[in-house]
Structure formats: structure tokens, C-alpha cells
Protein backbone atom coordinates (compact mmCIF):
# COMPACT_ATOMS: atom_id res chain seq x y z
CA MET A 1 44.78 10.49 -53.17
CA THR A 2 46.37 13.75 -54.32
CA ASN A 3 48.58 14.64 -57.22
CA PRO A 4 50.78 17.78 -57.47
CA ILE A 5 49.95 18.02 -61.19
CA ALA A 6 46.73 19.70 -62.28
CA ASN A 7 45.44 16.86 -64.52
CA ILE A 8 42.84 19.22 -65.96
CA ASP A 9 40.28 17.19 -67.92
CA SER A 10 36.95 18.68 -69.00
CA PRO A 11 36.77 21.21 -66.14
CA GLN A 12 33.28 22.42 -65.23
CA GLY A 13 32.29 24.16 -61.97
CA ILE A 14 34.78 26.49 -60.28
CA ALA A 15 34.80 28.36 -56.94
CA VAL A 16 37.08 30.40 -54.69
CA ASP A 17 37.49 29.71 -50.96
CA SER A 18 38.03 32.30 -48.20
CA ASN A 19 41.81 31.96 -48.54
CA GLY A 20 41.73 32.80 -52.22
CA ASN A 21 42.41 29.24 -53.36
CA ILE A 22 40.80 28.20 -56.65
CA TRP A 23 38.84 24.94 -56.78
CA PHE A 24 37.34 23.23 -59.83
CA VAL A 25 36.01 19.84 -60.87
CA ASN A 26 37.35 17.67 -63.70
CA SER A 27 34.35 15.81 -65.06
CA SER A 28 36.21 13.42 -67.38
CA ASN A 29 38.80 12.06 -64.92
CA ASN A 30 36.61 12.22 -61.80
CA SER A 31 38.71 14.56 -59.70
CA VAL A 32 38.87 17.98 -58.06
CA THR A 33 41.83 20.34 -58.42
CA GLU A 34 42.99 23.11 -56.08
CA PHE A 35 45.19 26.03 -57.17
CA ALA A 36 46.79 27.19 -53.90
CA LYS A 37 47.11 30.98 -53.78
CA ALA A 38 49.84 30.90 -51.10
CA ASN A 39 51.93 28.68 -53.38
CA SER A 40 51.61 30.76 -56.57
CA TYR A 41 48.54 28.73 -57.54
CA ALA A 42 50.42 25.44 -57.62
CA ALA A 43 48.02 22.62 -58.42
CA THR A 44 46.94 19.67 -56.30
CA THR A 45 44.43 17.18 -57.71
CA ILE A 46 42.27 15.06 -55.42
CA TYR A 47 40.79 11.74 -56.51
CA ASN A 48 40.11 8.12 -55.45
CA GLY A 49 40.10 7.42 -51.71
CA ASN A 50 36.56 7.89 -50.45
CA THR A 51 35.71 10.68 -52.88
CA ASN A 52 33.59 8.50 -55.19
CA PHE A 53 33.62 11.26 -57.79
CA SER A 54 31.64 10.35 -60.92
CA SER A 55 31.34 12.93 -63.70
CA PRO A 56 31.52 15.74 -61.12
CA ASN A 57 29.71 18.84 -62.31
CA ALA A 58 29.20 21.65 -59.80
CA ILE A 59 31.17 22.83 -56.77
CA ALA A 60 30.32 24.96 -53.73
CA ILE A 61 32.25 26.03 -50.63
CA ASP A 62 30.78 26.54 -47.16
CA ASN A 63 31.80 28.98 -44.42
CA ASN A 64 34.24 26.42 -43.02
CA ASN A 65 35.96 26.08 -46.40
CA ASN A 66 34.64 22.57 -46.90
CA ILE A 67 34.29 21.66 -50.57
CA TRP A 68 30.99 20.23 -51.87
CA VAL A 69 30.69 18.51 -55.27
CA THR A 70 27.76 17.03 -57.22
CA ASN A 71 28.24 13.68 -58.95
CA PRO A 72 25.56 13.09 -61.61
CA GLY A 73 27.35 9.93 -62.74
CA ASN A 74 26.50 8.01 -59.55
CA ASN A 75 23.79 10.15 -57.95
CA SER A 76 25.79 11.40 -54.99
CA VAL A 77 27.35 14.46 -53.35
CA THR A 78 30.92 14.51 -52.01
CA GLU A 79 32.36 16.65 -49.20
CA LEU A 80 36.09 17.35 -48.95
CA MET A 81 36.77 18.54 -45.40
CA ALA A 82 39.11 21.42 -44.60
CA SER A 83 39.79 19.87 -41.18
CA SER A 84 41.43 16.87 -42.90
CA SER A 85 43.41 19.07 -45.32
CA TYR A 86 41.05 17.80 -48.02
CA SER A 87 42.36 14.25 -47.77
CA ALA A 88 40.68 11.94 -50.26
CA THR A 89 40.62 9.17 -47.66
CA SER A 90 38.65 11.43 -45.31
CA ALA A 91 36.16 12.52 -47.94
CA VAL A 92 32.48 11.94 -47.21
CA ASN A 93 30.26 10.67 -50.03
CA ILE A 94 26.54 11.13 -49.48
CA SER A 95 23.87 9.11 -51.27
CA GLY A 96 20.97 6.80 -50.56
CA GLY A 97 18.95 7.27 -47.42
CA THR A 98 16.20 9.78 -48.14
CA THR A 99 18.27 11.84 -50.58
CA SER A 100 16.52 10.81 -53.84
CA PHE A 101 19.52 12.14 -55.78
CA ASN A 102 18.86 11.70 -59.49
CA ALA A 103 21.58 13.17 -61.72
CA PRO A 104 22.36 15.99 -59.25
CA LEU A 105 23.81 19.01 -61.06
CA GLY A 106 23.55 22.32 -59.20
CA ILE A 107 24.64 22.96 -55.62
CA ALA A 108 24.57 25.91 -53.20
CA VAL A 109 25.17 26.62 -49.50
CA ASP A 110 22.81 28.75 -47.42
CA HIS A 111 23.59 30.99 -44.43
CA ASN A 112 22.93 28.13 -41.99
CA GLY A 113 25.38 25.82 -43.76
CA ASN A 114 22.64 23.68 -45.32
CA ILE A 115 23.45 22.21 -48.74
CA TRP A 116 20.93 22.53 -51.58
CA VAL A 117 21.16 20.23 -54.62
CA THR A 118 19.14 20.15 -57.85
CA ASP A 119 18.06 16.76 -59.22
CA THR A 120 17.51 16.88 -62.96
CA GLY A 121 16.14 13.36 -63.32
CA TYR A 122 18.42 12.81 -66.31
CA THR A 123 21.24 10.28 -66.24
CA ALA A 124 23.46 11.65 -69.02
CA PRO A 125 23.45 15.46 -68.79
CA TYR A 126 26.46 15.98 -71.03
CA GLY A 127 28.34 14.13 -73.77
CA PRO A 128 30.07 12.81 -75.64
CA SER A 129 27.97 9.77 -76.46
CA SER A 130 27.69 7.22 -79.24
CA SER A 131 24.01 8.05 -79.50
CA VAL A 132 23.35 11.59 -80.65
CA CYS A 133 19.90 11.50 -79.10
CA ASP A 134 21.29 11.02 -75.60
CA PHE A 135 21.40 14.80 -75.42
CA CYS A 136 17.66 14.95 -76.04
CA LEU A 137 16.16 12.51 -73.58
CA LEU A 138 13.31 13.89 -71.53
CA PRO A 139 13.72 13.99 -67.74
CA SER A 140 12.81 10.85 -65.84
CA GLY A 141 12.75 9.88 -62.20
CA PHE A 142 12.84 12.41 -59.36
CA ASN A 143 12.81 16.06 -60.43
CA GLY A 144 13.25 18.43 -57.54
CA VAL A 145 15.59 19.82 -54.91
CA THR A 146 17.29 17.99 -52.05
CA GLU A 147 18.43 19.68 -48.83
CA LEU A 148 21.24 18.21 -46.72
CA THR A 149 20.86 19.82 -43.31
CA ALA A 150 23.78 21.02 -41.20
CA ALA A 151 21.86 20.18 -38.04
CA SER A 152 21.86 16.49 -39.00
CA GLY A 153 25.54 16.47 -39.88
CA TYR A 154 24.44 16.17 -43.53
CA SER A 155 23.08 12.69 -42.90
CA ALA A 156 21.55 11.07 -45.96
CA THR A 157 18.82 9.60 -43.77
CA SER A 158 17.77 13.12 -42.73
CA ALA A 159 17.79 14.62 -46.22
CA VAL A 160 14.73 16.59 -47.29
CA ASN A 161 13.39 16.22 -50.84
CA ILE A 162 11.20 18.97 -52.26
CA SER A 163 9.00 18.49 -55.31
CA GLY A 164 5.37 18.62 -56.37
CA GLY A 165 2.99 21.07 -54.80
CA ALA A 166 3.23 24.43 -56.54
CA ALA A 167 6.88 23.84 -57.50
CA ASN A 168 7.08 23.41 -61.27
CA PHE A 169 10.29 21.38 -61.14
CA SER A 170 11.05 19.88 -64.56
CA GLY A 171 14.73 19.42 -65.28
CA PRO A 172 16.07 21.76 -62.55
CA ILE A 173 19.66 22.83 -63.26
CA ALA A 174 21.20 25.68 -61.24
CA THR A 175 20.42 26.90 -57.74
CA ALA A 176 21.29 29.98 -55.69
CA ILE A 177 20.36 31.46 -52.32
CA ASP A 178 19.20 35.06 -52.01
CA HIS A 179 19.91 37.42 -49.12
CA ASN A 180 16.66 36.49 -47.39
CA GLY A 181 17.55 32.80 -47.40
CA ASN A 182 15.13 31.91 -50.20
CA VAL A 183 16.23 29.16 -52.59
CA TRP A 184 16.00 29.82 -56.34
CA VAL A 185 16.19 27.11 -58.99
CA THR A 186 16.34 27.34 -62.80
CA ILE A 187 13.95 25.01 -64.62
CA THR A 188 14.69 23.89 -68.18
CA GLY A 189 11.78 21.53 -68.75
CA TYR A 190 14.24 19.53 -70.83
CA ASN A 191 17.84 18.54 -70.16
CA ILE A 192 20.57 19.44 -72.63
CA PRO A 193 23.13 21.47 -70.62
CA TYR A 194 26.54 22.28 -72.08
CA VAL A 195 25.82 21.06 -75.62
CA PRO A 196 27.48 23.46 -78.07
CA SER A 197 25.43 24.67 -81.01
CA GLY A 198 26.01 22.42 -84.02
CA SER A 199 26.51 19.19 -82.09
CA GLY A 200 24.39 16.28 -80.95
CA CYS A 201 20.80 15.94 -82.08
CA GLY A 202 20.40 19.69 -82.40
CA ILE A 203 21.15 19.56 -86.11
CA ILE A 204 20.93 15.97 -87.26
CA THR A 205 18.05 14.35 -85.40
CA PRO A 206 14.89 16.41 -85.73
CA SER A 207 12.86 13.45 -84.50
CA CYS A 208 14.21 13.81 -80.96
CA PRO A 209 11.51 14.78 -78.46
CA ALA A 210 10.61 18.44 -78.36
CA PRO A 211 11.09 20.30 -75.09
CA SER A 212 8.26 20.01 -72.61
CA GLY A 213 7.36 21.27 -69.18
CA PHE A 214 7.86 24.55 -67.38
CA ASN A 215 10.81 26.79 -68.33
CA GLY A 216 11.87 29.53 -65.95
CA VAL A 217 12.79 29.83 -62.28
CA THR A 218 11.18 28.60 -59.06
CA GLU A 219 11.50 30.19 -55.62
CA LEU A 220 11.30 28.16 -52.41
CA LYS A 221 10.56 30.61 -49.63
CA ALA A 222 12.40 30.45 -46.32
CA ALA A 223 9.37 31.89 -44.52
CA SER A 224 7.31 28.85 -45.55
CA GLY A 225 9.97 26.38 -44.47
CA TYR A 226 10.69 25.81 -48.18
CA SER A 227 7.32 24.18 -48.65
CA ALA A 228 6.66 23.05 -52.22
CA SER A 229 3.03 24.07 -51.81
CA SER A 230 4.12 27.68 -51.24
CA ALA A 231 6.64 27.84 -54.10
CA ASN A 232 6.55 30.68 -56.62
CA ASN A 233 7.18 30.03 -60.32
CA PHE A 234 8.33 32.69 -62.76
CA GLY A 235 8.47 31.91 -66.48
CA ASN A 236 6.46 30.06 -69.10
CA THR A 237 6.07 26.65 -70.75
CA GLN A 238 7.84 27.36 -74.04
CA GLY A 239 11.37 28.45 -73.27
CA PRO A 240 13.99 29.67 -73.70
CA TYR A 241 15.93 27.46 -71.35
CA SER A 242 17.05 29.20 -68.17
CA MET A 243 20.45 27.67 -67.44
CA GLY A 244 22.56 29.93 -65.20
CA LEU A 245 21.42 31.74 -62.07
CA ALA A 246 22.86 34.46 -59.84
CA VAL A 247 21.70 36.96 -57.21
CA ASP A 248 22.98 40.54 -56.96
CA SER A 249 23.28 42.75 -53.87
CA LEU A 250 19.74 44.11 -54.36
CA ASN A 251 18.32 40.58 -54.39
CA ASN A 252 17.58 40.76 -58.10
CA ILE A 253 17.59 37.37 -59.83
CA TRP A 254 19.67 37.02 -63.01
CA LEU A 255 19.14 34.19 -65.48
CA THR A 256 20.90 33.13 -68.66
CA ASP A 257 18.56 32.19 -71.51
CA THR A 258 19.86 29.85 -74.18
CA GLU A 259 18.52 28.22 -77.34
CA THR A 260 21.30 25.62 -77.44
CA ALA A 261 20.54 22.57 -79.60
CA LEU A 262 17.10 23.84 -80.58
CA SER A 263 17.95 24.97 -84.09
CA TYR A 264 16.00 22.13 -85.67
CA LEU A 265 12.66 23.07 -84.10
CA PRO A 266 10.13 24.77 -86.41
CA ASN A 267 9.52 27.58 -83.93
CA LYS A 268 12.95 28.26 -82.52
CA PHE A 269 12.79 29.74 -79.04
CA ALA A 270 14.20 33.15 -78.30
CA GLY A 271 17.50 32.86 -76.52
CA ASN A 272 21.07 34.15 -76.30
CA SER A 273 20.06 36.68 -73.69
CA LEU A 274 19.91 37.51 -69.98
CA THR A 275 16.79 38.09 -67.92
CA VAL A 276 16.62 39.90 -64.60
CA LEU A 277 13.70 39.56 -62.20
CA THR A 278 13.73 42.61 -59.94
CA SER A 279 13.08 42.45 -56.23
CA VAL A 280 11.44 45.88 -56.25
CA SER A 281 8.71 44.51 -58.54
CA GLY A 282 8.19 41.45 -56.39
CA TYR A 283 9.77 39.48 -59.24
CA ALA A 284 6.73 40.12 -61.44
CA ALA A 285 7.24 38.58 -64.87
CA SER A 286 5.63 41.65 -66.41
CA SER A 287 8.48 43.74 -65.01
CA ASP A 288 11.40 41.52 -65.97
CA VAL A 289 14.10 42.94 -68.23
CA GLN A 290 15.90 41.13 -71.06
CA PHE A 291 19.41 41.93 -72.27
CA SER A 292 20.64 40.89 -75.72
CA GLY A 293 22.16 42.34 -78.86
CA GLY A 294 24.33 45.42 -78.73
CA SER A 295 27.87 44.42 -77.79
CA THR A 296 26.84 41.46 -75.65
CA ASN A 297 27.84 38.72 -78.13
CA PHE A 298 25.90 36.09 -76.13
CA SER A 299 25.87 32.64 -77.72
CA SER A 300 24.24 29.79 -75.78
CA PRO A 301 25.04 31.52 -72.47
CA THR A 302 25.23 29.22 -69.46
CA THR A 303 27.05 30.18 -66.25
CA ILE A 304 26.52 33.61 -64.71
CA VAL A 305 28.16 35.27 -61.69
CA VAL A 306 27.94 38.67 -60.02
CA ASP A 307 31.00 40.48 -58.68
CA GLU A 308 31.18 42.77 -55.64
CA SER A 309 30.13 45.84 -57.67
CA ASP A 310 27.12 44.01 -59.17
CA ASN A 311 28.77 43.65 -62.55
CA ILE A 312 27.39 40.60 -64.39
CA TRP A 313 29.71 37.98 -65.92
CA VAL A 314 28.45 35.40 -68.40
CA ALA A 315 30.08 32.42 -70.14
CA SER A 316 29.04 31.74 -73.76
CA PRO A 317 30.27 28.32 -74.93
CA GLY A 318 28.57 28.86 -78.29
CA ASN A 319 31.24 31.36 -79.38
CA ASN A 320 33.96 30.80 -76.76
CA SER A 321 33.62 34.11 -74.99
CA VAL A 322 32.91 35.73 -71.63
CA THR A 323 30.82 38.90 -71.43
CA GLU A 324 30.62 41.57 -68.72
CA LEU A 325 27.61 43.84 -68.25
CA THR A 326 28.58 46.72 -65.97
CA GLN A 327 26.43 48.17 -63.23
CA ALA A 328 27.99 51.59 -63.89
CA SER A 329 26.42 51.60 -67.38
CA ASN A 330 23.08 50.41 -65.97
CA TYR A 331 23.80 47.17 -67.83
CA ALA A 332 23.59 48.88 -71.22
CA VAL A 333 24.12 46.22 -73.91
CA GLY A 334 26.00 48.76 -76.01
CA SER A 335 28.59 49.04 -73.24
CA ALA A 336 29.06 45.30 -72.73
CA VAL A 337 32.67 44.09 -72.61
CA ASN A 338 33.59 40.82 -74.33
CA PHE A 339 36.62 38.64 -73.66
CA GLY A 340 37.64 36.02 -76.19
CA GLY A 341 40.15 35.17 -78.89
CA ASN A 342 43.18 32.93 -78.95
CA ASN A 343 44.98 34.58 -76.04
CA THR A 344 42.21 33.68 -73.61
CA GLY A 345 42.25 29.96 -74.45
CA PHE A 346 38.46 29.86 -74.16
CA ASN A 347 36.92 26.75 -75.72
CA SER A 348 33.44 25.94 -74.43
CA PRO A 349 33.83 28.05 -71.29
CA SER A 350 31.64 26.47 -68.63
CA GLY A 351 32.47 27.90 -65.20
CA ILE A 352 33.27 31.37 -63.82
CA ALA A 353 34.45 32.59 -60.41
CA VAL A 354 35.74 35.95 -59.16
CA ASP A 355 38.31 36.23 -56.37
CA GLU A 356 39.00 38.89 -53.74
CA GLN A 357 41.57 40.59 -56.00
CA GLY A 358 39.10 40.97 -58.87
CA ASN A 359 40.61 38.20 -60.96
CA VAL A 360 38.10 36.27 -63.08
CA TRP A 361 38.72 32.52 -63.35
CA VAL A 362 37.16 30.58 -66.22
CA THR A 363 37.07 26.84 -66.93
CA SER A 364 37.10 25.73 -70.57
CA SER A 365 35.97 22.14 -71.00
CA GLY A 366 36.81 22.10 -74.71
CA SER A 367 40.50 22.94 -74.25
CA ASN A 368 41.07 21.55 -70.73
CA THR A 369 42.31 24.92 -69.53
CA ILE A 370 41.75 27.42 -66.73
CA THR A 371 42.01 31.09 -67.73
CA GLU A 372 42.63 34.00 -65.37
CA LEU A 373 41.49 37.46 -66.46
CA VAL A 374 43.74 39.46 -64.15
CA GLY A 375 42.02 42.30 -62.30
CA ALA A 376 39.12 42.39 -64.75
CA ALA A 377 36.35 42.45 -62.13
CA ALA A 378 35.55 44.19 -58.88
CA PRO A 379 37.38 42.46 -55.98
CA THR A 380 34.88 39.97 -54.54
CA PRO A 381 35.51 38.56 -51.05
CA PHE A 382 34.33 35.06 -50.20
CA SER A 383 30.84 34.95 -48.74
CA VAL A 384 27.69 32.89 -48.46
CA PRO A 385 24.25 34.55 -48.45
CA LEU A 386 23.42 36.27 -45.18
CA LYS A 387 19.90 36.39 -43.85
């Protein structure tokens, strides 16, 4: 079913298709909304039918402009097909089989059209909840990455689950594909995404379990056939949480580091920063670079995207802002540009996308709004990673 009214309700992931249309998920009313560029961004909301949306979280778009959505509420992935004009009744919901979906959150498309999904192993990744400790439950069940292969027509019975081996998957959140076809996954070790500072058990329940497991990023290498036994892990076992993930044109890996909801711990982790792992160093941890302070204004940063000029854009729900680090300044923190205040409408900004005209689109789950920063970024054409 579709609705010509936006019905924006706790928007999360956002993406732009090759026609410049804006797509985002509404996690609270189980729908997906399209802003059609050719129709002055008029809204159409898609729900019911065969979509089976349940607390949709992340969204990705393939080279055929098909829309892919993760549903942590019912452990599934939904495809809206461009060939059916995104009809809800023609939607394909994928679960069961060999998928092992367990609170799937992140999603990405590789150059062969394969779909990669992170499984956090946590059944309630975001609130609200009557139990403040629901934000602090340790991961359970399958923790890993699932691949839906284009060659199988994305059949659930042909899904490939990757875990164990050398892959330190523990609460995987975001995923991205680099320009060599390698799959990168952020690992939190503990699942509390999108919890603003000062809410949940972060301040009133110090007895909640402390974070555990590996914190950082894991690489699954295309050359090894994405074998878990050949995975590379970059990070440590004590945080901060690596939440957002992006790849720039030089194949550098950018991560957001947050200390969200950890204020009660006796040894609070460093956070509120960005980390870049450089390709020229072979992603050596000893050569990584952190960015914080200066004019950055990071506060519990989550989503990160890179525009066509390799400028870095970061959402900070902790202080309702979006920050740009510019490539022209060599990412100097003193030259960071911050966007916020009442005119932006930011309230727990959670998703960012950049279109081919350089407009920056931001979802705010706290205010049920979508904000456009007109011409703020480098124009960024639609693409998927090329090998």
C-alpha cells in the first residue's frame, strides 16, 4: 500500500537513488517513504502489502534502483522492486532458510549486486522501552554477517552466514564495501545504538552489564572469498564503540567513535571522535588518526558519509548537530563546519545522505523530520563500489 502523505515517524536510514529520489525508513510506523525529485520531492509512503516491515532501520539501493531494508523487529530483509514501481504487494521479504538473521541492522550492496547484512544478535536495538536496562542487554544469538547473493536471486536458502574464525564479530552494526570489494563491519561488542546521552540505563542503572567483547572494525577480504578464517580485525577490547562506517575514494576507512550511555562506568571510554584507518598504511592500527576537539562539536557521533570530494559528514545525536570535515583543510578539526540550531530542525539526527546536486539530507528521529542542507556538500552521483 502507498500513501501520498509522508507519515514521517522516527526516521532512521536514508539513501538517494540514481534518479535523485530520496528514500528513508520510518521505524515507528513500519514504512518506507520516497521523496520524488521529479515531483518537487512529493512524498509517497509504502507499507503493508508484502513488505513485512518491522522496526526498519537501515536502507540501501542497488544498481537497478531496488530498495533494500533491514527489519530488526522480525529478523528479515525487504526488497522493494523498481520494476514493480515499488508496489507493496510486489515486495519481497526475505527470512528463514539459511539466513540466520538476528536483529539485522546494517546493510550494503557490493559491485556484483550481492546484499550484505549485519546481525547484531540483539532483539531490541533501540527504545523506548518500559525497562531502562533493555538498552544494556548483551548480544545473544547469531553475531555475524549474512550475504544474500545476486546469483541465487537473493534466495534465503542460498544465504551465506559468516562468523567465527578470525572474525571478531560481537554486536556488528554498520557495514560498507570498499573499492576492492572487501566488506568492512563495525563491531561494538555491546549493543546500544541510537541512545542519546542522559537516557536509558546510562545514568540510572549502573548495575547493567559492562561492555564486553571486541570493539573496532573487521574486514572480510574478497580475495579470500570472504572467509571468516582470513578476516582482519582492527581495534581493541575496551572501546570506544565504533558505530558509523564509510569509505573514501582512497579506500581509507572512517569510523565514528562514541561513548553514548557509558557515563556511569568508572573508567569512561574515550569517544566523541572519528578514526581513519589509512589504506597506505595497510590499515595498521599504529598509523590510524583520530579527530576530535577543535570545532568538531562531536557528541555521540553515529552515522558518517563521504561526499564526492572526500569531505566527511557526521551526525551527532548527542547535541543535535551535523559536522563536516573538509578534505581541502586536510580534515583539520579547527576548520570543521557545524550545522545545528532551531532552523535545521535537528533532533537526534540519525541518517545522512548526499545527492548529485550536493544537497545533504538528514533524518531526525526525535522530531520526525527530514532536513535538507541545500548545496552544502560536493555533488555526489549515485554509485555502488566498483572493483
